[in-house]
Amino acid sequence: MVKSKIIKKLNQKHAYLKLSHIENIFNSIFQIVTSNILKNRAIELRGFGRFSTKIIKAKYNARNPRTNEIIYVPEKKKISFKMSKHLKKEINKK
């Protein structure tokens, strides 16, 4: 689902709010999440999950699969998501 559809669904559920207000709230939430992840702080949304950053170590002897030459891959960060128990139960319902 894309951002515009989420905003429209929220507007249907909360008709007393304008679309522009909902979009501002939506953007503010993700701006806060992004800024905290950039500061290496974990974000926990109760009942949904936890976002955190993980550092992938540099690789000094990685290989390019096309040319088979040894290359250096620098250290980088990635976002890790761990879903909550509640979300896990909801997903696995039959």
PDB file of N, CA and C in Angstrom:
ATOM      1  N   MET A   1       0.845  -1.172   0.000  1.00  0.00           N
ATOM      2  CA  MET A   1       0.000   0.000   0.000  1.00  0.00           C
ATOM      3  C   MET A   1       0.891   1.235   0.000  1.00  0.00           C
ATOM      4  N   VAL A   2       0.505   2.212  -0.786  1.00  0.00           N
ATOM      5  CA  VAL A   2       1.297   3.435  -0.900  1.00  0.00           C
ATOM      6  C   VAL A   2       0.778   4.497   0.066  1.00  0.00           C
ATOM      7  N   LYS A   3       1.590   5.518   0.261  1.00  0.00           N
ATOM      8  CA  LYS A   3       1.296   6.580   1.224  1.00  0.00           C
ATOM      9  C   LYS A   3      -0.062   7.235   0.973  1.00  0.00           C
ATOM     10  N   SER A   4      -0.381   7.532  -0.277  1.00  0.00           N
ATOM     11  CA  SER A   4      -1.648   8.219  -0.583  1.00  0.00           C
ATOM     12  C   SER A   4      -2.862   7.369  -0.199  1.00  0.00           C
ATOM     13  N   LYS A   5      -2.764   6.054  -0.393  1.00  0.00           N
ATOM     14  CA  LYS A   5      -3.881   5.177  -0.017  1.00  0.00           C
ATOM     15  C   LYS A   5      -4.038   5.097   1.491  1.00  0.00           C
ATOM     16  N   ILE A   6      -2.921   5.081   2.211  1.00  0.00           N
ATOM     17  CA  ILE A   6      -2.981   5.058   3.675  1.00  0.00           C
ATOM     18  C   ILE A   6      -3.653   6.333   4.180  1.00  0.00           C
ATOM     19  N   ILE A   7      -3.287   7.469   3.598  1.00  0.00           N
ATOM     20  CA  ILE A   7      -3.866   8.748   4.013  1.00  0.00           C
ATOM     21  C   ILE A   7      -5.361   8.780   3.716  1.00  0.00           C
ATOM     22  N   LYS A   8      -5.773   8.252   2.567  1.00  0.00           N
ATOM     23  CA  LYS A   8      -7.204   8.201   2.225  1.00  0.00           C
ATOM     24  C   LYS A   8      -7.984   7.309   3.190  1.00  0.00           C
ATOM     25  N   LYS A   9      -7.392   6.165   3.561  1.00  0.00           N
ATOM     26  CA  LYS A   9      -8.057   5.271   4.522  1.00  0.00           C
ATOM     27  C   LYS A   9      -8.185   5.934   5.890  1.00  0.00           C
ATOM     28  N   LEU A  10      -7.147   6.635   6.308  1.00  0.00           N
ATOM     29  CA  LEU A  10      -7.213   7.354   7.577  1.00  0.00           C
ATOM     30  C   LEU A  10      -8.273   8.451   7.522  1.00  0.00           C
ATOM     31  N   ASN A  11      -8.410   9.098   6.374  1.00  0.00           N
ATOM     32  CA  ASN A  11      -9.421  10.133   6.214  1.00  0.00           C
ATOM     33  C   ASN A  11     -10.832   9.542   6.273  1.00  0.00           C
ATOM     34  N   GLN A  12     -11.017   8.359   5.729  1.00  0.00           N
ATOM     35  CA  GLN A  12     -12.317   7.688   5.805  1.00  0.00           C
ATOM     36  C   GLN A  12     -12.661   7.340   7.248  1.00  0.00           C
ATOM     37  N   LYS A  13     -11.668   6.909   7.984  1.00  0.00           N
ATOM     38  CA  LYS A  13     -11.882   6.509   9.378  1.00  0.00           C
ATOM     39  C   LYS A  13     -12.071   7.724  10.292  1.00  0.00           C
ATOM     40  N   HIS A  14     -11.389   8.821   9.979  1.00  0.00           N
ATOM     41  CA  HIS A  14     -11.454  10.044  10.781  1.00  0.00           C
ATOM     42  C   HIS A  14     -11.854  11.201   9.867  1.00  0.00           C
ATOM     43  N   ALA A  15     -13.115  11.233   9.491  1.00  0.00           N
ATOM     44  CA  ALA A  15     -13.617  12.214   8.506  1.00  0.00           C
ATOM     45  C   ALA A  15     -13.555  13.654   9.014  1.00  0.00           C
ATOM     46  N   TYR A  16     -13.469  13.846  10.312  1.00  0.00           N
ATOM     47  CA  TYR A  16     -13.425  15.199  10.879  1.00  0.00           C
ATOM     48  C   TYR A  16     -12.073  15.872  10.668  1.00  0.00           C
ATOM     49  N   LEU A  17     -11.064  15.118  10.235  1.00  0.00           N
ATOM     50  CA  LEU A  17      -9.744  15.684   9.951  1.00  0.00           C
ATOM     51  C   LEU A  17      -9.591  15.929   8.449  1.00  0.00           C
ATOM     52  N   LYS A  18      -8.931  17.022   8.098  1.00  0.00           N
ATOM     53  CA  LYS A  18      -8.670  17.318   6.701  1.00  0.00           C
ATOM     54  C   LYS A  18      -7.539  16.431   6.178  1.00  0.00           C
ATOM     55  N   LEU A  19      -7.538  16.199   4.874  1.00  0.00           N
ATOM     56  CA  LEU A  19      -6.477  15.395   4.261  1.00  0.00           C
ATOM     57  C   LEU A  19      -5.103  16.006   4.517  1.00  0.00           C
ATOM     58  N   SER A  20      -5.018  17.319   4.458  1.00  0.00           N
ATOM     59  CA  SER A  20      -3.722  17.974   4.678  1.00  0.00           C
ATOM     60  C   SER A  20      -3.215  17.766   6.104  1.00  0.00           C
ATOM     61  N   HIS A  21      -4.120  17.756   7.070  1.00  0.00           N
ATOM     62  CA  HIS A  21      -3.715  17.509   8.466  1.00  0.00           C
ATOM     63  C   HIS A  21      -3.218  16.081   8.636  1.00  0.00           C
ATOM     64  N   ILE A  22      -3.949  15.143   8.033  1.00  0.00           N
ATOM     65  CA  ILE A  22      -3.534  13.741   8.130  1.00  0.00           C
ATOM     66  C   ILE A  22      -2.168  13.547   7.474  1.00  0.00           C
ATOM     67  N   GLU A  23      -1.969  14.174   6.332  1.00  0.00           N
ATOM     68  CA  GLU A  23      -0.683  14.057   5.643  1.00  0.00           C
ATOM     69  C   GLU A  23       0.444  14.670   6.466  1.00  0.00           C
ATOM     70  N   ASN A  24       0.189  15.799   7.128  1.00  0.00           N
ATOM     71  CA  ASN A  24       1.204  16.417   7.993  1.00  0.00           C
ATOM     72  C   ASN A  24       1.555  15.519   9.180  1.00  0.00           C
ATOM     73  N   ILE A  25       0.542  14.902   9.784  1.00  0.00           N
ATOM     74  CA  ILE A  25       0.777  13.974  10.900  1.00  0.00           C
ATOM     75  C   ILE A  25       1.593  12.782  10.428  1.00  0.00           C
ATOM     76  N   PHE A  26       1.197  12.217   9.295  1.00  0.00           N
ATOM     77  CA  PHE A  26       1.887  11.062   8.711  1.00  0.00           C
ATOM     78  C   PHE A  26       3.352  11.396   8.435  1.00  0.00           C
ATOM     79  N   ASN A  27       3.581  12.541   7.801  1.00  0.00           N
ATOM     80  CA  ASN A  27       4.958  12.958   7.495  1.00  0.00           C
ATOM     81  C   ASN A  27       5.768  13.214   8.765  1.00  0.00           C
ATOM     82  N   SER A  28       5.145  13.790   9.787  1.00  0.00           N
ATOM     83  CA  SER A  28       5.838  14.057  11.049  1.00  0.00           C
ATOM     84  C   SER A  28       6.278  12.776  11.734  1.00  0.00           C
ATOM     85  N   ILE A  29       5.394  11.782  11.724  1.00  0.00           N
ATOM     86  CA  ILE A  29       5.730  10.492  12.352  1.00  0.00           C
ATOM     87  C   ILE A  29       6.953   9.885  11.680  1.00  0.00           C
ATOM     88  N   PHE A  30       6.949   9.851  10.353  1.00  0.00           N
ATOM     89  CA  PHE A  30       8.067   9.223   9.660  1.00  0.00           C
ATOM     90  C   PHE A  30       9.330  10.075   9.694  1.00  0.00           C
ATOM     91  N   GLN A  31       9.194  11.367   9.843  1.00  0.00           N
ATOM     92  CA  GLN A  31      10.367  12.219  10.020  1.00  0.00           C
ATOM     93  C   GLN A  31      11.020  11.929  11.375  1.00  0.00           C
ATOM     94  N   ILE A  32      10.210  11.750  12.412  1.00  0.00           N
ATOM     95  CA  ILE A  32      10.731  11.426  13.745  1.00  0.00           C
ATOM     96  C   ILE A  32      11.400  10.062  13.736  1.00  0.00           C
ATOM     97  N   VAL A  33      10.761   9.083  13.098  1.00  0.00           N
ATOM     98  CA  VAL A  33      11.337   7.735  13.007  1.00  0.00           C
ATOM     99  C   VAL A  33      12.679   7.797  12.272  1.00  0.00           C
ATOM    100  N   THR A  34      12.701   8.489  11.140  1.00  0.00           N
ATOM    101  CA  THR A  34      13.930   8.585  10.349  1.00  0.00           C
ATOM    102  C   THR A  34      15.046   9.281  11.113  1.00  0.00           C
ATOM    103  N   SER A  35      14.741  10.392  11.779  1.00  0.00           N
ATOM    104  CA  SER A  35      15.792  11.118  12.499  1.00  0.00           C
ATOM    105  C   SER A  35      16.356  10.289  13.651  1.00  0.00           C
ATOM    106  N   ASN A  36      15.505   9.516  14.330  1.00  0.00           N
ATOM    107  CA  ASN A  36      16.002   8.679  15.418  1.00  0.00           C
ATOM    108  C   ASN A  36      16.827   7.503  14.906  1.00  0.00           C
ATOM    109  N   ILE A  37      16.449   6.946  13.777  1.00  0.00           N
ATOM    110  CA  ILE A  37      17.243   5.858  13.202  1.00  0.00           C
ATOM    111  C   ILE A  37      18.607   6.393  12.755  1.00  0.00           C
ATOM    112  N   LEU A  38      18.638   7.601  12.211  1.00  0.00           N
ATOM    113  CA  LEU A  38      19.912   8.196  11.811  1.00  0.00           C
ATOM    114  C   LEU A  38      20.823   8.435  13.013  1.00  0.00           C
ATOM    115  N   LYS A  39      20.238   8.617  14.198  1.00  0.00           N
ATOM    116  CA  LYS A  39      21.018   8.815  15.425  1.00  0.00           C
ATOM    117  C   LYS A  39      21.308   7.482  16.122  1.00  0.00           C
ATOM    118  N   ASN A  40      21.049   6.376  15.451  1.00  0.00           N
ATOM    119  CA  ASN A  40      21.263   5.011  15.967  1.00  0.00           C
ATOM    120  C   ASN A  40      20.420   4.703  17.193  1.00  0.00           C
ATOM    121  N   ARG A  41      19.239   5.291  17.265  1.00  0.00           N
ATOM    122  CA  ARG A  41      18.301   4.986  18.348  1.00  0.00           C
ATOM    123  C   ARG A  41      17.238   4.033  17.822  1.00  0.00           C
ATOM    124  N   ALA A  42      16.851   3.078  18.643  1.00  0.00           N
ATOM    125  CA  ALA A  42      15.803   2.130  18.255  1.00  0.00           C
ATOM    126  C   ALA A  42      14.434   2.790  18.409  1.00  0.00           C
ATOM    127  N   ILE A  43      13.500   2.408  17.550  1.00  0.00           N
ATOM    128  CA  ILE A  43      12.132   2.911  17.581  1.00  0.00           C
ATOM    129  C   ILE A  43      11.214   1.735  17.858  1.00  0.00           C
ATOM    130  N   GLU A  44      10.412   1.836  18.903  1.00  0.00           N
ATOM    131  CA  GLU A  44       9.482   0.762  19.240  1.00  0.00           C
ATOM    132  C   GLU A  44       8.057   1.280  19.137  1.00  0.00           C
ATOM    133  N   LEU A  45       7.261   0.629  18.294  1.00  0.00           N
ATOM    134  CA  LEU A  45       5.848   0.930  18.159  1.00  0.00           C
ATOM    135  C   LEU A  45       5.089  -0.241  18.775  1.00  0.00           C
ATOM    136  N   ARG A  46       4.602  -0.048  19.982  1.00  0.00           N
ATOM    137  CA  ARG A  46       3.959  -1.131  20.724  1.00  0.00           C
ATOM    138  C   ARG A  46       2.846  -1.770  19.913  1.00  0.00           C
ATOM    139  N   GLY A  47       2.817  -3.086  19.887  1.00  0.00           N
ATOM    140  CA  GLY A  47       1.803  -3.820  19.150  1.00  0.00           C
ATOM    141  C   GLY A  47       2.145  -3.974  17.674  1.00  0.00           C
ATOM    142  N   PHE A  48       3.217  -3.321  17.216  1.00  0.00           N
ATOM    143  CA  PHE A  48       3.609  -3.427  15.808  1.00  0.00           C
ATOM    144  C   PHE A  48       5.001  -4.024  15.669  1.00  0.00           C
ATOM    145  N   GLY A  49       6.013  -3.361  16.235  1.00  0.00           N
ATOM    146  CA  GLY A  49       7.367  -3.885  16.124  1.00  0.00           C
ATOM    147  C   GLY A  49       8.412  -2.873  16.514  1.00  0.00           C
ATOM    148  N   ARG A  50       9.661  -3.248  16.271  1.00  0.00           N
ATOM    149  CA  ARG A  50      10.804  -2.438  16.667  1.00  0.00           C
ATOM    150  C   ARG A  50      11.761  -2.278  15.493  1.00  0.00           C
ATOM    151  N   PHE A  51      12.122  -1.037  15.208  1.00  0.00           N
ATOM    152  CA  PHE A  51      13.101  -0.719  14.180  1.00  0.00           C
ATOM    153  C   PHE A  51      14.411  -0.353  14.862  1.00  0.00           C
ATOM    154  N   SER A  52      15.498  -0.894  14.367  1.00  0.00           N
ATOM    155  CA  SER A  52      16.808  -0.540  14.903  1.00  0.00           C
ATOM    156  C   SER A  52      17.834  -0.624  13.778  1.00  0.00           C
ATOM    157  N   THR A  53      19.013  -0.071  14.031  1.00  0.00           N
ATOM    158  CA  THR A  53      20.073  -0.128  13.031  1.00  0.00           C
ATOM    159  C   THR A  53      21.079  -1.195  13.415  1.00  0.00           C
ATOM    160  N   LYS A  54      21.617  -1.839  12.401  1.00  0.00           N
ATOM    161  CA  LYS A  54      22.690  -2.804  12.587  1.00  0.00           C
ATOM    162  C   LYS A  54      23.835  -2.395  11.687  1.00  0.00           C
ATOM    163  N   ILE A  55      25.041  -2.594  12.179  1.00  0.00           N
ATOM    164  CA  ILE A  55      26.226  -2.262  11.395  1.00  0.00           C
ATOM    165  C   ILE A  55      26.770  -3.537  10.772  1.00  0.00           C
ATOM    166  N   ILE A  56      26.937  -3.503   9.455  1.00  0.00           N
ATOM    167  CA  ILE A  56      27.532  -4.633   8.743  1.00  0.00           C
ATOM    168  C   ILE A  56      29.024  -4.321   8.594  1.00  0.00           C
ATOM    169  N   LYS A  57      29.850  -5.209   9.089  1.00  0.00           N
ATOM    170  CA  LYS A  57      31.292  -4.978   9.082  1.00  0.00           C
ATOM    171  C   LYS A  57      31.847  -4.925   7.666  1.00  0.00           C
ATOM    172  N   ALA A  58      32.968  -4.245   7.533  1.00  0.00           N
ATOM    173  CA  ALA A  58      33.648  -4.160   6.238  1.00  0.00           C
ATOM    174  C   ALA A  58      34.196  -5.535   5.863  1.00  0.00           C
ATOM    175  N   LYS A  59      34.189  -5.828   4.572  1.00  0.00           N
ATOM    176  CA  LYS A  59      34.735  -7.101   4.075  1.00  0.00           C
ATOM    177  C   LYS A  59      35.960  -6.784   3.230  1.00  0.00           C
ATOM    178  N   TYR A  60      37.072  -7.382   3.631  1.00  0.00           N
ATOM    179  CA  TYR A  60      38.322  -7.097   2.947  1.00  0.00           C
ATOM    180  C   TYR A  60      38.610  -8.083   1.823  1.00  0.00           C
ATOM    181  N   ASN A  61      37.933  -9.206   1.814  1.00  0.00           N
ATOM    182  CA  ASN A  61      38.225 -10.194   0.783  1.00  0.00           C
ATOM    183  C   ASN A  61      36.946 -10.699   0.100  1.00  0.00           C
ATOM    184  N   ALA A  62      36.027  -9.782  -0.188  1.00  0.00           N
ATOM    185  CA  ALA A  62      34.823 -10.150  -0.931  1.00  0.00           C
ATOM    186  C   ALA A  62      35.200 -10.314  -2.401  1.00  0.00           C
ATOM    187  N   ARG A  63      34.375 -11.070  -3.127  1.00  0.00           N
ATOM    188  CA  ARG A  63      34.666 -11.304  -4.545  1.00  0.00           C
ATOM    189  C   ARG A  63      33.563 -10.755  -5.428  1.00  0.00           C
ATOM    190  N   ASN A  64      33.961 -10.175  -6.532  1.00  0.00           N
ATOM    191  CA  ASN A  64      33.016  -9.773  -7.559  1.00  0.00           C
ATOM    192  C   ASN A  64      32.644 -11.045  -8.319  1.00  0.00           C
ATOM    193  N   PRO A  65      31.367 -11.461  -8.293  1.00  0.00           N
ATOM    194  CA  PRO A  65      31.004 -12.734  -8.919  1.00  0.00           C
ATOM    195  C   PRO A  65      31.177 -12.743 -10.439  1.00  0.00           C
ATOM    196  N   ARG A  66      31.142 -11.583 -11.055  1.00  0.00           N
ATOM    197  CA  ARG A  66      31.269 -11.524 -12.517  1.00  0.00           C
ATOM    198  C   ARG A  66      32.719 -11.697 -12.965  1.00  0.00           C
ATOM    199  N   THR A  67      33.643 -10.989 -12.295  1.00  0.00           N
ATOM    200  CA  THR A  67      35.050 -11.027 -12.721  1.00  0.00           C
ATOM    201  C   THR A  67      35.926 -11.882 -11.817  1.00  0.00           C
ATOM    202  N   ASN A  68      35.398 -12.286 -10.678  1.00  0.00           N
ATOM    203  CA  ASN A  68      36.117 -13.118  -9.703  1.00  0.00           C
ATOM    204  C   ASN A  68      37.286 -12.391  -9.035  1.00  0.00           C
ATOM    205  N   GLU A  69      37.345 -11.073  -9.168  1.00  0.00           N
ATOM    206  CA  GLU A  69      38.430 -10.337  -8.525  1.00  0.00           C
ATOM    207  C   GLU A  69      38.060 -10.023  -7.077  1.00  0.00           C
ATOM    208  N   ILE A  70      39.046  -9.907  -6.225  1.00  0.00           N
ATOM    209  CA  ILE A  70      38.837  -9.595  -4.813  1.00  0.00           C
ATOM    210  C   ILE A  70      38.616  -8.090  -4.684  1.00  0.00           C
ATOM    211  N   ILE A  71      37.567  -7.717  -3.957  1.00  0.00           N
ATOM    212  CA  ILE A  71      37.225  -6.304  -3.775  1.00  0.00           C
ATOM    213  C   ILE A  71      37.031  -6.009  -2.294  1.00  0.00           C
ATOM    214  N   TYR A  72      37.078  -4.744  -1.950  1.00  0.00           N
ATOM    215  CA  TYR A  72      36.832  -4.277  -0.581  1.00  0.00           C
ATOM    216  C   TYR A  72      35.414  -3.734  -0.511  1.00  0.00           C
ATOM    217  N   VAL A  73      34.646  -4.197   0.479  1.00  0.00           N
ATOM    218  CA  VAL A  73      33.289  -3.694   0.706  1.00  0.00           C
ATOM    219  C   VAL A  73      33.316  -2.934   2.034  1.00  0.00           C
ATOM    220  N   PRO A  74      33.047  -1.625   2.013  1.00  0.00           N
ATOM    221  CA  PRO A  74      33.131  -0.828   3.246  1.00  0.00           C
ATOM    222  C   PRO A  74      32.005  -1.152   4.230  1.00  0.00           C
ATOM    223  N   GLU A  75      32.227  -0.735   5.473  1.00  0.00           N
ATOM    224  CA  GLU A  75      31.212  -0.899   6.518  1.00  0.00           C
ATOM    225  C   GLU A  75      29.959  -0.110   6.149  1.00  0.00           C
ATOM    226  N   LYS A  76      28.793  -0.668   6.464  1.00  0.00           N
ATOM    227  CA  LYS A  76      27.537   0.028   6.176  1.00  0.00           C
ATOM    228  C   LYS A  76      26.500  -0.319   7.231  1.00  0.00           C
ATOM    229  N   LYS A  77      25.430   0.461   7.246  1.00  0.00           N
ATOM    230  CA  LYS A  77      24.340   0.249   8.191  1.00  0.00           C
ATOM    231  C   LYS A  77      23.130  -0.296   7.463  1.00  0.00           C
ATOM    232  N   LYS A  78      22.313  -1.052   8.192  1.00  0.00           N
ATOM    233  CA  LYS A  78      21.043  -1.497   7.649  1.00  0.00           C
ATOM    234  C   LYS A  78      19.995  -1.400   8.742  1.00  0.00           C
ATOM    235  N   ILE A  79      18.745  -1.330   8.327  1.00  0.00           N
ATOM    236  CA  ILE A  79      17.651  -1.250   9.285  1.00  0.00           C
ATOM    237  C   ILE A  79      17.130  -2.650   9.547  1.00  0.00           C
ATOM    238  N   SER A  80      16.972  -2.959  10.809  1.00  0.00           N
ATOM    239  CA  SER A  80      16.444  -4.242  11.232  1.00  0.00           C
ATOM    240  C   SER A  80      15.045  -4.032  11.816  1.00  0.00           C
ATOM    241  N   PHE A  81      14.117  -4.918  11.490  1.00  0.00           N
ATOM    242  CA  PHE A  81      12.759  -4.830  12.021  1.00  0.00           C
ATOM    243  C   PHE A  81      12.428  -6.137  12.721  1.00  0.00           C
ATOM    244  N   LYS A  82      11.953  -6.034  13.950  1.00  0.00           N
ATOM    245  CA  LYS A  82      11.503  -7.213  14.693  1.00  0.00           C
ATOM    246  C   LYS A  82      10.046  -6.994  15.045  1.00  0.00           C
ATOM    247  N   MET A  83       9.189  -7.859  14.533  1.00  0.00           N
ATOM    248  CA  MET A  83       7.759  -7.669  14.773  1.00  0.00           C
ATOM    249  C   MET A  83       7.378  -8.048  16.199  1.00  0.00           C
ATOM    250  N   SER A  84       6.292  -7.448  16.683  1.00  0.00           N
ATOM    251  CA  SER A  84       5.823  -7.717  18.037  1.00  0.00           C
ATOM    252  C   SER A  84       5.105  -9.060  18.079  1.00  0.00           C
ATOM    253  N   LYS A  85       4.917  -9.572  19.270  1.00  0.00           N
ATOM    254  CA  LYS A  85       4.191 -10.837  19.445  1.00  0.00           C
ATOM    255  C   LYS A  85       2.767 -10.714  18.933  1.00  0.00           C
ATOM    256  N   HIS A  86       2.152  -9.557  19.175  1.00  0.00           N
ATOM    257  CA  HIS A  86       0.775  -9.328  18.734  1.00  0.00           C
ATOM    258  C   HIS A  86       0.682  -9.383  17.204  1.00  0.00           C
ATOM    259  N   LEU A  87       1.585  -8.724  16.520  1.00  0.00           N
ATOM    260  CA  LEU A  87       1.583  -8.731  15.058  1.00  0.00           C
ATOM    261  C   LEU A  87       1.854 -10.130  14.521  1.00  0.00           C
ATOM    262  N   LYS A  88       2.750 -10.849  15.174  1.00  0.00           N
ATOM    263  CA  LYS A  88       3.067 -12.210  14.758  1.00  0.00           C
ATOM    264  C   LYS A  88       1.842 -13.112  14.861  1.00  0.00           C
ATOM    265  N   LYS A  89       1.074 -12.957  15.945  1.00  0.00           N
ATOM    266  CA  LYS A  89      -0.161 -13.734  16.103  1.00  0.00           C
ATOM    267  C   LYS A  89      -1.171 -13.386  15.018  1.00  0.00           C
ATOM    268  N   GLU A  90      -1.319 -12.090  14.724  1.00  0.00           N
ATOM    269  CA  GLU A  90      -2.269 -11.641  13.702  1.00  0.00           C
ATOM    270  C   GLU A  90      -1.913 -12.178  12.320  1.00  0.00           C
ATOM    271  N   ILE A  91      -0.626 -12.179  11.997  1.00  0.00           N
ATOM    272  CA  ILE A  91      -0.171 -12.663  10.683  1.00  0.00           C
ATOM    273  C   ILE A  91      -0.401 -14.148  10.541  1.00  0.00           C
ATOM    274  N   ASN A  92      -0.188 -14.894  11.618  1.00  0.00           N
ATOM    275  CA  ASN A  92      -0.266 -16.350  11.562  1.00  0.00           C
ATOM    276  C   ASN A  92      -1.644 -16.924  11.859  1.00  0.00           C
ATOM    277  N   LYS A  93      -2.653 -16.086  11.972  1.00  0.00           N
ATOM    278  CA  LYS A  93      -4.014 -16.594  12.153  1.00  0.00           C
ATOM    279  C   LYS A  93      -4.479 -17.276  10.884  1.00  0.00           C
ATOM    280  N   LYS A  94      -5.295 -18.296  11.067  1.00  0.00           N
ATOM    281  CA  LYS A  94      -5.833 -18.995   9.886  1.00  0.00           C
ATOM    282  C   LYS A  94      -7.311 -18.793   9.775  1.00  0.00           C
TER     283      LYS A  94
END
